[in-house]
Amino acid sequence: MTRIEHFIAEQMGLGQTPGLSVGILADGETVLSRGYGYADVVTRAPMTERSGVVIGSTTKALTCVAILQLAEGGLLNLDDPVIRYLPNFRLRDQAHAAAITIRQAITHTAGLPPTLSTQTEFLFSDDAGDDALARYIETLSDRVPIGPPGGQWAYANDGFTLAGRIIEVVSGRSYEDYMRDRVFAVLGFEDACFAYQPRGEVATAHDFGPDGAPYPSFFPHSRAASAAGSELILSARDALRWLGAVLDHGRAAGGLLLRPESFAETIRPHFLVQPEGRVAAGSESYYALGWQVGRLDGVSMIAHGGSTITMGSKFLVLPEQRIAVAVLSNSSSDVNETMAEGIARILLGGEPARSFPAVDPSFEPDRSGWPDLAGIYEPQVVQNSVPAALPIELDGNQLVAHTYPADHRRRAGDIFLRPVGDFDFVLSGRGRTGGRATFAIHDEGVEAKWTEVPLKKRGR
């Protein structure tokens, strides 16, 4: 474990990570489950294996378990249309809405648009009414589909909003009650809860400022928009119980979570994921049901990441080696994914392939061309990282990207560009910390790569 402990310390230092917890299973047995750093950078309360964080999209695989349980009971079929269970579901194109199946909704192939950065209620809503999910779905009537159902893969959180509501309608119970009784209890969870109903040892959420340093920030919570897609609070201890059940094909402490054939469906490749339209030979990744499946250094891998802007996680399973790694953090940055993959590679006897990018605060770039970088950038492909136009401004001697406005409880959604070259930057803030942005000025305009998403500036 010494190499792993050193790697954890190194990456946390590079990313100025406030706190995280790590769980590791080797041959199906717990070999590490502990916290590092602080649950709150102000109070210096320590992070522990029982510190809860809002895990983000790693919630999705557990929601898919619930859907499969209902399918096992004959209460639904994955290839049924969503409107069979939600007859009031509407989109701007109603024929499109009527054609979407449950399977398409939970594999991001429904043609639903990505969550916009201006849609602040998605992760910050005080609406905790029992009908919050049903009322949110009514607001989807103005959404414009981006393509035919089943035609392409595009990450869309609202597919899991639909899934959560279907669980309520079919089971006759709230999403939360169903998950507690039929999923969490079987897994033996002790610390699990939901972000809009927190209890126990829950960490403080953090964001990152212009110098990359963390500060306490808004606590993500939305029963209305993202209950089934991102709002579960887990500890490292409970995360290992879940990943242990994945290694054991659906068998958990409290019995069989799913029948073997149903569990196999959750990790069966359903649709090719093409990150920003690019797939390198040998690195193909497929979306299953709440998981991405592919390979890590030639080894079969099941994995998924999660981000709620100010908290996040990364779960990674190597089923043939019976290895699982859970990283849960009270911030959201590239440290989470870098650490999970690096730990897995160490356990395989190799070396981590990448590191959180180092930023030298004393570096002085040539800023003479920066005024030309300011402007509005349009994404050139449909994806979830930059789902809409991105404004970038030159604020003094720093470039800043704006995602959503401030209010009396939140700072503005600013992403700060920290230079590591004249036109090369490491990002800080709003779930993009550790990502890279590079710019190029051509005769025909300004282009950029923003966390690998191709952008083009409007006009000159």
Protein backbone atom coordinates (compact mmCIF):
# COMPACT_ATOMS: atom_id res chain seq x y z
CA MET A 1 0.00 0.00 0.00
CA THR A 2 2.99 2.36 0.34
CA ARG A 3 3.06 3.20 -3.39
CA ILE A 4 -0.66 3.86 -3.36
CA GLU A 5 -0.45 6.08 -0.28
CA HIS A 6 2.35 8.10 -1.89
CA PHE A 7 0.35 8.43 -5.11
CA ILE A 8 -2.73 9.63 -3.21
CA ALA A 9 -0.69 12.26 -1.34
CA GLU A 10 1.01 13.41 -4.54
CA GLN A 11 -2.22 13.86 -6.50
CA MET A 12 -4.04 15.58 -3.65
CA GLY A 13 -1.13 18.01 -3.35
CA LEU A 14 -1.05 18.79 -7.07
CA GLY A 15 -4.80 19.34 -7.19
CA GLN A 16 -5.00 21.16 -3.83
CA THR A 17 -7.76 18.65 -3.01
CA PRO A 18 -9.50 19.51 0.28
CA GLY A 19 -10.48 15.96 1.18
CA LEU A 20 -11.41 12.58 -0.19
CA SER A 21 -11.93 9.00 0.86
CA VAL A 22 -10.60 5.93 -0.93
CA GLY A 23 -11.83 2.36 -0.85
CA ILE A 24 -10.04 -0.58 -2.47
CA LEU A 25 -11.08 -4.20 -2.92
CA ALA A 26 -8.47 -6.76 -3.98
CA ASP A 27 -9.64 -10.29 -4.67
CA GLY A 28 -12.98 -9.06 -3.40
CA GLU A 29 -11.62 -8.18 0.07
CA THR A 30 -11.22 -4.70 1.56
CA VAL A 31 -7.55 -3.69 1.64
CA LEU A 32 -8.05 0.05 2.12
CA SER A 33 -10.94 2.17 3.36
CA ARG A 34 -10.02 5.55 4.82
CA GLY A 35 -10.24 9.30 4.46
CA TYR A 36 -7.54 11.82 3.55
CA GLY A 37 -7.40 15.55 4.10
CA TYR A 38 -10.28 17.60 5.43
CA ALA A 39 -14.04 17.24 5.32
CA ASP A 40 -14.06 21.04 5.74
CA VAL A 41 -11.02 23.23 5.03
CA VAL A 42 -12.20 25.89 7.51
CA THR A 43 -12.95 23.73 10.55
CA ARG A 44 -10.20 21.20 9.67
CA ALA A 45 -12.59 18.35 10.44
CA PRO A 46 -10.92 15.21 9.04
CA MET A 47 -12.25 13.18 6.15
CA THR A 48 -13.01 9.56 7.14
CA GLU A 49 -14.23 6.37 5.51
CA ARG A 50 -17.72 7.34 6.73
CA SER A 51 -17.69 10.92 5.42
CA GLY A 52 -20.58 11.22 3.01
CA VAL A 53 -20.29 13.11 -0.28
CA VAL A 54 -22.78 13.71 -3.08
CA ILE A 55 -21.36 11.24 -5.58
CA GLY A 56 -22.94 12.59 -8.76
CA SER A 57 -23.53 10.37 -11.77
CA THR A 58 -22.26 7.21 -10.11
CA THR A 59 -25.81 7.27 -8.69
CA LYS A 60 -27.05 6.22 -12.13
CA ALA A 61 -25.94 2.57 -11.96
CA LEU A 62 -27.92 2.08 -8.74
CA THR A 63 -31.01 3.59 -10.36
CA CYS A 64 -30.56 1.09 -13.19
CA VAL A 65 -30.55 -1.72 -10.62
CA ALA A 66 -33.98 -0.54 -9.47
CA ILE A 67 -35.26 -0.46 -13.06
CA LEU A 68 -33.99 -4.02 -13.64
CA GLN A 69 -35.61 -5.21 -10.40
CA LEU A 70 -38.97 -3.91 -11.62
CA ALA A 71 -38.36 -5.62 -14.97
CA GLU A 72 -37.64 -8.89 -13.16
CA GLY A 73 -41.00 -8.54 -11.43
CA GLY A 74 -42.77 -8.14 -14.74
CA LEU A 75 -43.77 -4.56 -13.94
CA LEU A 76 -42.00 -3.02 -16.92
CA ASN A 77 -39.91 -3.84 -19.96
CA LEU A 78 -36.79 -1.87 -20.86
CA ASP A 79 -37.97 -1.56 -24.44
CA ASP A 80 -41.36 -0.15 -23.49
CA PRO A 81 -41.96 3.49 -24.46
CA VAL A 82 -41.56 5.93 -21.59
CA ILE A 83 -45.05 7.34 -22.20
CA ARG A 84 -46.59 3.98 -21.30
CA TYR A 85 -45.73 4.85 -17.70
CA LEU A 86 -45.54 8.64 -17.99
CA PRO A 87 -48.42 9.55 -20.34
CA ASN A 88 -47.96 13.26 -19.67
CA PHE A 89 -44.31 13.27 -20.77
CA ARG A 90 -43.84 15.90 -23.48
CA LEU A 91 -41.04 17.39 -25.58
CA ARG A 92 -41.20 20.14 -28.20
CA ASP A 93 -41.51 17.27 -30.72
CA GLN A 94 -44.18 15.00 -29.26
CA ALA A 95 -43.65 12.24 -31.84
CA HIS A 96 -40.06 12.06 -30.63
CA ALA A 97 -41.14 11.89 -26.97
CA ALA A 98 -43.59 9.09 -27.77
CA ALA A 99 -40.84 7.01 -29.41
CA ILE A 100 -38.32 7.10 -26.53
CA THR A 101 -37.91 3.80 -24.68
CA ILE A 102 -36.78 3.25 -21.12
CA ARG A 103 -33.58 1.63 -22.39
CA GLN A 104 -32.78 4.66 -24.52
CA ALA A 105 -33.44 6.97 -21.57
CA ILE A 106 -30.92 5.17 -19.35
CA THR A 107 -28.25 4.68 -22.03
CA HIS A 108 -28.15 8.34 -23.16
CA THR A 109 -29.47 7.41 -26.61
CA ALA A 110 -32.92 9.03 -26.35
CA GLY A 111 -31.96 12.14 -28.32
CA LEU A 112 -32.51 14.32 -25.26
CA PRO A 113 -30.42 17.50 -25.04
CA PRO A 114 -27.62 17.80 -22.45
CA THR A 115 -28.19 19.75 -19.25
CA LEU A 116 -27.47 23.42 -19.91
CA SER A 117 -25.05 25.27 -17.64
CA THR A 118 -27.74 27.92 -17.18
CA GLN A 119 -30.14 25.31 -15.80
CA THR A 120 -29.06 26.00 -12.24
CA GLU A 121 -32.01 24.21 -10.61
CA PHE A 122 -30.57 20.90 -11.82
CA LEU A 123 -28.13 20.76 -8.90
CA PHE A 124 -29.45 23.50 -6.66
CA SER A 125 -33.17 23.39 -5.86
CA ASP A 126 -34.96 23.76 -2.54
CA ASP A 127 -38.06 22.05 -3.95
CA ALA A 128 -38.22 18.90 -1.82
CA GLY A 129 -41.94 18.19 -2.22
CA ASP A 130 -43.09 14.63 -2.79
CA ASP A 131 -44.25 15.61 -6.28
CA ALA A 132 -41.07 17.51 -7.16
CA LEU A 133 -39.92 14.92 -9.69
CA ALA A 134 -43.31 14.75 -11.40
CA ARG A 135 -43.52 18.54 -11.65
CA TYR A 136 -39.98 18.82 -13.02
CA ILE A 137 -40.81 16.41 -15.84
CA GLU A 138 -43.61 18.75 -16.91
CA THR A 139 -40.95 21.39 -17.59
CA LEU A 140 -39.34 19.16 -20.25
CA SER A 141 -42.11 20.10 -22.69
CA ASP A 142 -39.96 22.92 -24.07
CA ARG A 143 -36.88 20.75 -24.68
CA VAL A 144 -35.83 20.34 -28.31
CA PRO A 145 -34.49 16.87 -29.23
CA ILE A 146 -31.01 16.71 -30.75
CA GLY A 147 -31.55 13.59 -32.85
CA PRO A 148 -33.81 10.58 -33.32
CA PRO A 149 -34.19 8.08 -30.46
CA GLY A 150 -31.49 5.42 -30.72
CA GLY A 151 -29.56 7.42 -33.31
CA GLN A 152 -26.60 8.66 -31.28
CA TRP A 153 -25.01 8.66 -27.84
CA ALA A 154 -25.18 12.00 -26.05
CA TYR A 155 -25.01 12.29 -22.27
CA ALA A 156 -28.37 13.60 -21.05
CA ASN A 157 -29.21 13.65 -17.37
CA ASP A 158 -32.93 14.03 -17.99
CA GLY A 159 -33.11 10.41 -19.15
CA PHE A 160 -32.50 9.41 -15.55
CA THR A 161 -35.05 11.94 -14.34
CA LEU A 162 -37.56 9.96 -16.40
CA ALA A 163 -36.25 6.70 -14.95
CA GLY A 164 -36.66 7.95 -11.39
CA ARG A 165 -40.25 8.95 -12.04
CA ILE A 166 -40.99 5.60 -13.71
CA ILE A 167 -39.74 3.84 -10.57
CA GLU A 168 -42.23 5.91 -8.55
CA VAL A 169 -45.17 5.22 -10.85
CA VAL A 170 -44.54 1.50 -11.25
CA SER A 171 -43.68 0.77 -7.60
CA GLY A 172 -46.26 3.11 -6.10
CA ARG A 173 -43.59 4.51 -3.79
CA SER A 174 -41.30 7.50 -3.79
CA TYR A 175 -37.97 7.00 -5.53
CA GLU A 176 -36.18 7.46 -2.21
CA ASP A 177 -38.27 4.90 -0.32
CA TYR A 178 -37.91 2.33 -3.07
CA MET A 179 -34.14 2.75 -3.19
CA ARG A 180 -33.78 2.51 0.59
CA ASP A 181 -35.85 -0.67 0.92
CA ARG A 182 -35.07 -2.59 -2.25
CA VAL A 183 -31.51 -1.51 -3.06
CA PHE A 184 -29.71 0.07 -0.09
CA ALA A 185 -30.98 -2.44 2.46
CA VAL A 186 -29.89 -5.39 0.32
CA LEU A 187 -26.44 -3.84 -0.13
CA GLY A 188 -26.12 -3.24 3.61
CA PHE A 189 -25.61 0.51 3.32
CA GLU A 190 -25.28 2.30 6.65
CA ASP A 191 -24.42 5.86 5.68
CA ALA A 192 -26.35 6.35 2.42
CA CYS A 193 -28.85 9.20 2.11
CA PHE A 194 -29.89 11.79 -0.42
CA ALA A 195 -28.46 15.28 -0.87
CA TYR A 196 -31.79 16.97 -0.18
CA GLN A 197 -32.24 14.80 2.97
CA PRO A 198 -28.70 14.70 4.43
CA ARG A 199 -27.94 12.93 7.69
CA GLY A 200 -24.92 11.60 9.55
CA GLU A 201 -21.32 12.49 8.77
CA VAL A 202 -21.62 14.57 5.59
CA ALA A 203 -18.63 16.53 4.27
CA THR A 204 -18.67 20.18 3.22
CA ALA A 205 -18.75 20.84 -0.52
CA HIS A 206 -15.85 22.82 -2.05
CA ASP A 207 -15.07 24.64 -5.25
CA PHE A 208 -11.75 26.06 -6.51
CA GLY A 209 -10.73 29.68 -6.99
CA PRO A 210 -8.46 31.54 -9.42
CA ASP A 211 -5.30 30.21 -7.76
CA GLY A 212 -6.59 26.63 -7.64
CA ALA A 213 -7.17 26.76 -3.87
CA PRO A 214 -10.38 25.21 -2.49
CA TYR A 215 -13.07 27.10 -0.60
CA PRO A 216 -16.41 25.94 0.93
CA SER A 217 -19.13 26.28 -1.68
CA PHE A 218 -22.76 25.42 -2.37
CA PHE A 219 -24.00 22.00 -1.30
CA PRO A 220 -25.63 20.33 -4.32
CA HIS A 221 -29.23 19.27 -3.72
CA SER A 222 -32.18 18.76 -6.03
CA ARG A 223 -34.99 16.31 -5.48
CA ALA A 224 -36.78 17.74 -8.48
CA ALA A 225 -34.25 17.52 -11.29
CA SER A 226 -31.55 15.03 -10.41
CA ALA A 227 -32.72 12.62 -7.71
CA ALA A 228 -32.13 9.46 -9.74
CA GLY A 229 -29.11 10.71 -11.65
CA SER A 230 -26.69 12.34 -9.24
CA GLU A 231 -28.03 13.08 -5.77
CA LEU A 232 -26.99 10.05 -3.69
CA ILE A 233 -24.70 10.63 -0.71
CA LEU A 234 -22.31 7.72 -0.09
CA SER A 235 -19.32 7.02 2.11
CA ALA A 236 -16.29 5.02 1.03
CA ARG A 237 -17.42 2.19 3.29
CA ASP A 238 -20.80 1.91 1.60
CA ALA A 239 -19.25 2.38 -1.86
CA LEU A 240 -17.17 -0.75 -1.29
CA ARG A 241 -20.31 -2.71 -0.40
CA TRP A 242 -21.78 -1.69 -3.75
CA LEU A 243 -18.63 -2.45 -5.74
CA GLY A 244 -18.33 -5.78 -3.93
CA ALA A 245 -21.79 -6.67 -5.22
CA VAL A 246 -20.67 -5.71 -8.72
CA LEU A 247 -17.70 -8.09 -8.41
CA ASP A 248 -20.08 -10.80 -7.17
CA HIS A 249 -22.50 -10.39 -10.08
CA GLY A 250 -25.30 -8.85 -8.05
CA ARG A 251 -24.96 -10.81 -4.83
CA ALA A 252 -24.77 -8.57 -1.77
CA ALA A 253 -24.70 -8.78 2.03
CA GLY A 254 -28.48 -8.87 2.21
CA GLY A 255 -29.06 -11.35 -0.58
CA LEU A 256 -29.43 -11.24 -4.35
CA LEU A 257 -29.73 -7.70 -5.67
CA LEU A 258 -30.48 -8.92 -9.19
CA ARG A 259 -30.66 -12.29 -10.89
CA PRO A 260 -27.41 -13.12 -12.73
CA GLU A 261 -28.94 -12.55 -16.16
CA SER A 262 -30.29 -9.17 -15.10
CA PHE A 263 -26.98 -8.13 -13.58
CA ALA A 264 -25.22 -9.15 -16.81
CA GLU A 265 -27.54 -6.75 -18.65
CA THR A 266 -26.38 -3.83 -16.50
CA ILE A 267 -22.80 -4.21 -17.73
CA ARG A 268 -23.52 -5.34 -21.30
CA PRO A 269 -22.19 -2.85 -23.89
CA HIS A 270 -25.18 -1.05 -25.35
CA PHE A 271 -23.83 1.88 -27.35
CA LEU A 272 -20.41 3.13 -28.43
CA VAL A 273 -19.31 6.24 -26.56
CA GLN A 274 -17.45 8.65 -28.80
CA PRO A 275 -15.79 11.34 -26.67
CA GLU A 276 -16.25 14.56 -28.62
CA GLY A 277 -16.58 12.49 -31.78
CA ARG A 278 -13.20 10.77 -31.44
CA VAL A 279 -12.33 7.19 -30.62
CA ALA A 280 -8.71 6.05 -30.71
CA ALA A 281 -8.15 2.50 -31.89
CA GLY A 282 -8.11 0.11 -28.95
CA SER A 283 -9.62 2.61 -26.52
CA GLU A 284 -13.28 2.12 -27.35
CA SER A 285 -15.71 2.59 -24.51
CA TYR A 286 -19.34 1.54 -24.48
CA TYR A 287 -22.21 2.70 -22.34
CA ALA A 288 -24.11 -0.02 -20.51
CA LEU A 289 -26.79 0.71 -17.88
CA GLY A 290 -25.28 3.39 -15.67
CA TRP A 291 -21.74 2.12 -16.37
CA GLN A 292 -19.16 2.58 -19.07
CA VAL A 293 -17.36 -0.58 -20.10
CA GLY A 294 -14.03 -0.75 -21.86
CA ARG A 295 -10.42 -1.68 -21.15
CA LEU A 296 -7.62 -0.37 -18.96
CA ASP A 297 -4.20 -1.45 -20.20
CA GLY A 298 -5.83 -4.36 -21.99
CA VAL A 299 -7.85 -5.42 -18.94
CA SER A 300 -11.66 -5.41 -18.92
CA MET A 301 -12.95 -2.43 -16.96
CA ILE A 302 -16.33 -1.23 -15.69
CA ALA A 303 -16.26 2.40 -14.56
CA HIS A 304 -18.14 5.65 -14.17
CA GLY A 305 -17.40 9.10 -12.84
CA GLY A 306 -19.62 11.58 -11.11
CA SER A 307 -19.61 15.34 -10.57
CA THR A 308 -22.05 17.68 -8.90
CA ILE A 309 -19.75 20.67 -9.52
CA THR A 310 -18.66 20.88 -5.86
CA MET A 311 -18.43 17.15 -5.01
CA GLY A 312 -17.71 14.03 -7.02
CA SER A 313 -16.58 10.43 -7.30
CA LYS A 314 -15.03 7.80 -9.52
CA PHE A 315 -15.86 4.08 -9.30
CA LEU A 316 -13.73 1.58 -11.20
CA VAL A 317 -14.01 -2.22 -11.33
CA LEU A 318 -11.67 -4.76 -12.96
CA PRO A 319 -13.94 -7.83 -12.81
CA GLU A 320 -11.48 -10.45 -14.06
CA GLN A 321 -8.90 -9.43 -11.43
CA ARG A 322 -11.60 -8.92 -8.74
CA ILE A 323 -10.28 -5.41 -8.11
CA ALA A 324 -12.43 -2.37 -7.35
CA VAL A 325 -11.51 1.22 -6.52
CA ALA A 326 -13.79 3.96 -5.16
CA VAL A 327 -12.69 7.58 -4.87
CA LEU A 328 -15.15 9.99 -3.23
CA SER A 329 -14.32 13.67 -2.86
CA ASN A 330 -15.79 16.80 -1.30
CA SER A 331 -14.72 18.64 -4.45
CA SER A 332 -14.88 17.86 -8.14
CA SER A 333 -11.66 17.75 -10.12
CA ASP A 334 -9.54 15.58 -12.39
CA VAL A 335 -7.85 14.23 -9.26
CA ASN A 336 -10.76 11.79 -8.75
CA GLU A 337 -10.41 10.03 -12.10
CA THR A 338 -6.62 10.29 -12.20
CA MET A 339 -6.40 8.71 -8.77
CA ALA A 340 -8.83 5.85 -9.43
CA GLU A 341 -7.10 4.86 -12.65
CA GLY A 342 -3.64 5.30 -11.14
CA ILE A 343 -4.46 3.10 -8.14
CA ALA A 344 -5.87 0.42 -10.46
CA ARG A 345 -2.70 0.45 -12.53
CA ILE A 346 -0.54 0.13 -9.42
CA LEU A 347 -2.62 -2.86 -8.29
CA LEU A 348 -2.05 -4.39 -11.73
CA GLY A 349 1.70 -4.03 -11.20
CA GLY A 350 2.15 -1.03 -13.48
CA GLU A 351 2.57 2.71 -13.18
CA PRO A 352 -0.03 5.48 -13.26
CA ALA A 353 -0.34 6.78 -16.82
CA ARG A 354 -1.15 10.37 -15.98
CA SER A 355 -1.06 12.95 -13.24
CA PHE A 356 -2.98 16.05 -12.26
CA PRO A 357 -1.35 18.83 -14.32
CA ALA A 358 1.21 20.86 -12.40
CA VAL A 359 0.81 24.64 -12.45
CA ASP A 360 3.75 26.90 -11.65
CA PRO A 361 2.24 30.03 -10.06
CA SER A 362 5.39 32.01 -10.85
CA PHE A 363 5.09 31.38 -14.61
CA GLU A 364 4.55 34.60 -16.58
CA PRO A 365 3.04 34.03 -20.05
CA ASP A 366 3.01 36.46 -22.95
CA ARG A 367 -0.46 37.99 -22.51
CA SER A 368 -0.32 40.25 -25.59
CA GLY A 369 -2.60 37.95 -27.56
CA TRP A 370 -5.11 37.34 -24.77
CA PRO A 371 -7.55 40.12 -25.75
CA ASP A 372 -8.18 38.15 -28.94
CA LEU A 373 -9.14 35.10 -26.87
CA ALA A 374 -12.01 36.87 -25.13
CA GLY A 375 -15.44 36.27 -26.65
CA ILE A 376 -18.27 33.76 -26.98
CA TYR A 377 -17.30 30.21 -27.94
CA GLU A 378 -19.59 27.68 -29.58
CA PRO A 379 -19.08 23.91 -29.10
CA GLN A 380 -18.58 22.12 -32.41
CA VAL A 381 -20.02 18.77 -31.25
CA VAL A 382 -22.94 17.76 -29.04
CA GLN A 383 -21.67 16.72 -25.60
CA ASN A 384 -22.13 17.35 -21.87
CA SER A 385 -18.92 19.23 -20.98
CA VAL A 386 -19.74 22.43 -22.87
CA PRO A 387 -23.43 22.04 -23.73
CA ALA A 388 -23.99 25.68 -24.74
CA ALA A 389 -22.18 28.84 -25.74
CA LEU A 390 -19.29 29.61 -23.38
CA PRO A 391 -18.42 33.26 -22.60
CA ILE A 392 -14.75 33.94 -21.83
CA GLU A 393 -13.66 37.35 -20.57
CA LEU A 394 -10.31 38.96 -19.82
CA ASP A 395 -10.59 40.14 -16.22
CA GLY A 396 -7.44 42.13 -15.48
CA ASN A 397 -4.60 39.73 -16.20
CA GLN A 398 -6.69 36.53 -16.00
CA LEU A 399 -9.05 34.82 -18.44
CA VAL A 400 -12.32 33.71 -16.88
CA ALA A 401 -15.14 31.58 -18.33
CA HIS A 402 -18.67 32.22 -17.03
CA THR A 403 -21.12 29.35 -16.64
CA TYR A 404 -24.00 30.69 -14.53
CA PRO A 405 -24.76 33.82 -12.53
CA ALA A 406 -24.40 34.31 -8.80
CA ASP A 407 -27.21 34.75 -6.33
CA HIS A 408 -27.32 35.50 -2.60
CA ARG A 409 -26.23 31.94 -1.72
CA ARG A 410 -23.77 31.03 -4.47
CA ARG A 411 -20.73 32.49 -6.09
CA ALA A 412 -20.90 33.01 -9.82
CA GLY A 413 -20.17 29.94 -11.91
CA ASP A 414 -16.72 31.06 -12.98
CA ILE A 415 -13.99 28.82 -14.35
CA PHE A 416 -10.54 30.36 -14.08
CA LEU A 417 -7.86 29.72 -16.71
CA ARG A 418 -4.45 29.25 -15.07
CA PRO A 419 -1.66 29.62 -17.64
CA VAL A 420 0.94 26.95 -18.24
CA GLY A 421 1.82 28.41 -21.65
CA ASP A 422 0.97 31.51 -23.66
CA PHE A 423 -2.22 29.91 -25.02
CA ASP A 424 -2.29 26.79 -22.84
CA PHE A 425 -4.22 26.68 -19.55
CA VAL A 426 -5.26 24.44 -16.66
CA LEU A 427 -8.84 25.06 -15.55
CA SER A 428 -9.96 25.79 -12.00
CA GLY A 429 -13.54 25.75 -10.75
CA ARG A 430 -17.07 24.50 -11.43
CA GLY A 431 -16.29 20.82 -11.90
CA ARG A 432 -13.61 21.43 -14.52
CA THR A 433 -10.60 21.71 -12.18
CA GLY A 434 -7.60 20.00 -13.75
CA GLY A 435 -8.98 20.07 -17.27
CA ARG A 436 -6.92 21.62 -20.04
CA ALA A 437 -7.79 24.42 -22.46
CA THR A 438 -5.68 25.40 -25.46
CA PHE A 439 -6.30 28.18 -27.99
CA ALA A 440 -5.13 28.84 -31.53
CA ILE A 441 -5.55 32.06 -33.53
CA HIS A 442 -5.94 31.62 -37.29
CA ASP A 443 -6.75 33.97 -40.15
CA GLU A 444 -10.31 32.65 -40.10
CA GLY A 445 -10.79 33.07 -36.35
CA VAL A 446 -10.01 31.60 -32.93
CA GLU A 447 -10.38 27.92 -32.10
CA ALA A 448 -9.98 26.12 -28.79
CA LYS A 449 -9.91 22.69 -27.21
CA TRP A 450 -11.71 22.80 -23.86
CA THR A 451 -11.33 19.53 -21.94
CA GLU A 452 -10.99 18.00 -25.43
CA VAL A 453 -14.20 19.64 -26.69
CA PRO A 454 -13.58 21.61 -29.93
CA LEU A 455 -14.80 25.21 -29.64
CA LYS A 456 -14.90 28.07 -32.10
CA LYS A 457 -15.15 31.76 -31.22
CA ARG A 458 -18.01 33.73 -32.73
CA GLY A 459 -16.71 36.27 -35.20
CA ARG A 460 -13.16 37.57 -34.97
